[in-house]
Amino acid sequence: MKLNEIRPGKGARKKSRRIGRGEGSGRGGTAGKGTKGQNARSGGGVRPGFEGGQMPLHRRIPKRGFTNVFKKRYEILNIKDLSSFTSGETVDRDALLKAGLLNNARAVKLLGVGDIAHPLIIRLDKVSQGARDKIESAGGTVEMG
């Protein structure tokens, strides 16, 4: 058996029912749409979410809060992720993008999960106090900016 000889199993593919093709087909006349009414018409039916004039669900449920479009969003990074950098190397957004640790060039915040053994120069937007202590105890420096 070859790849181009593979066929679906018997009965796996069923022909679609052709409606509205005359009385002789057994599916003529109203073509499964009942008799008259909005849904029987060509282009008939109601828009999604319409509930027949009843107050729709998306208008009945309460709305709360808002989204601040000016909120500064940070890419989160942990100290354990910096193990690929060598001693004395500068870690900034460009270096992290190059190393594949970031997906985009958003602001970066460094958190203190994990340990670091060698000194690094950190130049990021935000650094947590725990991360700062670990970096400085390893002999590294932290520059905000």
Protein backbone atom coordinates (compact mmCIF):
# COMPACT_ATOMS: atom_id res chain seq x y z
CA MET A 1 0.00 0.00 0.00
CA LYS A 2 1.26 3.42 -0.97
CA LEU A 3 0.39 6.82 0.46
CA ASN A 4 -1.51 7.81 -2.70
CA GLU A 5 -3.61 4.62 -2.52
CA ILE A 6 -5.07 5.34 0.93
CA ARG A 7 -8.84 5.94 0.84
CA PRO A 8 -11.36 6.71 3.60
CA GLY A 9 -13.16 3.69 5.03
CA LYS A 10 -16.47 2.52 3.59
CA GLY A 11 -19.26 4.82 4.80
CA ALA A 12 -16.86 7.42 6.21
CA ARG A 13 -17.73 9.99 3.55
CA LYS A 14 -21.45 10.58 3.10
CA LYS A 15 -22.95 12.57 0.24
CA SER A 16 -24.72 15.75 1.33
CA ARG A 17 -28.51 15.85 0.98
CA ARG A 18 -29.53 18.02 -2.00
CA ILE A 19 -32.63 19.95 -1.05
CA GLY A 20 -34.86 22.21 -3.13
CA ARG A 21 -34.36 20.28 -6.40
CA GLY A 22 -37.97 19.49 -7.25
CA GLU A 23 -40.76 17.28 -5.96
CA GLY A 24 -39.33 14.14 -7.58
CA SER A 25 -36.29 14.28 -5.32
CA GLY A 26 -38.45 13.86 -2.22
CA ARG A 27 -36.92 17.05 -0.79
CA GLY A 28 -38.71 19.64 -2.94
CA GLY A 29 -41.49 22.02 -2.03
CA THR A 30 -40.49 23.85 1.10
CA ALA A 31 -37.05 22.18 1.06
CA GLY A 32 -36.98 21.41 4.77
CA LYS A 33 -37.72 25.00 5.78
CA GLY A 34 -41.31 24.51 6.89
CA THR A 35 -44.08 26.75 5.65
CA LYS A 36 -43.57 30.50 5.29
CA GLY A 37 -42.04 32.69 7.97
CA GLN A 38 -38.81 34.64 8.25
CA ASN A 39 -36.54 31.58 8.19
CA ALA A 40 -38.18 30.18 5.05
CA ARG A 41 -37.32 33.28 2.99
CA SER A 42 -34.26 33.76 0.86
CA GLY A 43 -31.71 35.64 2.98
CA GLY A 44 -34.00 35.19 5.94
CA GLY A 45 -33.12 34.52 9.55
CA VAL A 46 -32.00 36.74 12.38
CA ARG A 47 -28.60 38.13 13.26
CA PRO A 48 -26.43 36.32 15.84
CA GLY A 49 -27.47 37.17 19.39
CA PHE A 50 -30.99 38.28 18.43
CA GLU A 51 -33.57 36.85 20.86
CA GLY A 52 -36.83 37.74 19.15
CA GLY A 53 -37.07 41.21 20.66
CA GLN A 54 -36.33 40.04 24.21
CA MET A 55 -33.46 41.97 25.80
CA PRO A 56 -30.40 40.03 24.58
CA LEU A 57 -28.00 38.38 26.98
CA HIS A 58 -25.09 40.69 26.15
CA ARG A 59 -27.24 43.64 27.23
CA ARG A 60 -28.75 41.93 30.31
CA ILE A 61 -25.50 41.04 32.05
CA PRO A 62 -23.86 43.75 34.17
CA LYS A 63 -20.80 45.61 32.93
CA ARG A 64 -18.07 46.44 35.44
CA GLY A 65 -14.70 48.10 35.35
CA PHE A 66 -12.69 49.26 32.39
CA THR A 67 -9.38 48.53 30.67
CA ASN A 68 -6.70 51.15 31.05
CA VAL A 69 -5.19 51.51 27.58
CA PHE A 70 -2.23 53.45 28.99
CA LYS A 71 -1.18 50.70 31.44
CA LYS A 72 2.47 49.74 31.15
CA ARG A 73 2.75 46.01 30.49
CA TYR A 74 5.94 44.16 31.37
CA GLU A 75 7.52 41.02 29.95
CA ILE A 76 8.39 38.93 33.05
CA LEU A 77 11.81 37.32 33.35
CA ASN A 78 13.44 35.42 36.24
CA ILE A 79 17.06 35.22 37.39
CA LYS A 80 17.16 31.50 36.56
CA ASP A 81 16.65 32.46 32.87
CA LEU A 82 19.93 34.41 32.83
CA SER A 83 22.16 31.31 33.21
CA SER A 84 23.02 31.41 29.48
CA PHE A 85 24.91 34.71 29.90
CA THR A 86 28.62 34.62 30.74
CA SER A 87 30.32 36.38 33.64
CA GLY A 88 30.51 40.18 33.32
CA GLU A 89 28.17 40.30 30.32
CA THR A 90 25.64 43.13 29.96
CA VAL A 91 22.00 42.02 30.01
CA ASP A 92 19.60 44.46 28.35
CA ARG A 93 16.49 44.15 26.18
CA ASP A 94 18.51 43.70 22.97
CA ALA A 95 20.66 40.95 24.51
CA LEU A 96 17.54 39.14 25.76
CA LEU A 97 15.89 39.34 22.33
CA LYS A 98 19.06 38.02 20.71
CA ALA A 99 19.22 35.14 23.22
CA GLY A 100 15.58 34.26 22.45
CA LEU A 101 14.34 34.94 25.99
CA LEU A 102 11.85 37.62 24.86
CA ASN A 103 9.19 37.51 22.17
CA ASN A 104 8.80 41.24 21.69
CA ALA A 105 10.51 44.48 22.62
CA ARG A 106 8.14 45.37 25.48
CA ALA A 107 9.38 46.69 28.83
CA VAL A 108 11.06 43.97 30.92
CA LYS A 109 10.86 43.26 34.66
CA LEU A 110 13.34 40.91 36.31
CA LEU A 111 12.10 38.81 39.23
CA GLY A 112 14.14 36.90 41.80
CA VAL A 113 13.14 33.27 41.15
CA GLY A 114 16.26 31.11 40.97
CA ASP A 115 19.93 31.74 41.72
CA ILE A 116 22.86 33.23 39.88
CA ALA A 117 26.51 32.32 40.47
CA HIS A 118 28.40 34.80 38.29
CA PRO A 119 28.29 38.63 38.12
CA LEU A 120 26.22 40.32 35.41
CA ILE A 121 25.49 43.93 34.49
CA ILE A 122 21.70 44.30 34.34
CA ARG A 123 20.13 47.20 32.38
CA LEU A 124 16.37 46.64 32.41
CA ASP A 125 13.20 48.69 32.97
CA LYS A 126 12.36 47.20 36.39
CA VAL A 127 14.08 44.83 38.83
CA SER A 128 12.47 43.42 41.98
CA GLN A 129 14.25 43.93 45.31
CA GLY A 130 14.89 40.19 45.69
CA ALA A 131 16.46 39.97 42.23
CA ARG A 132 18.58 43.07 42.93
CA ASP A 133 19.91 41.53 46.17
CA LYS A 134 20.83 38.24 44.44
CA ILE A 135 22.62 39.99 41.56
CA GLU A 136 24.57 42.32 43.85
CA SER A 137 25.53 39.45 46.20
CA ALA A 138 26.96 37.61 43.15
CA GLY A 139 29.07 40.70 42.37
CA GLY A 140 26.92 42.13 39.59
CA THR A 141 25.37 45.57 39.16
CA VAL A 142 21.82 46.75 38.44
CA GLU A 143 21.11 49.85 36.37
CA MET A 144 17.49 50.90 35.90
CA GLY A 145 16.55 52.54 32.67
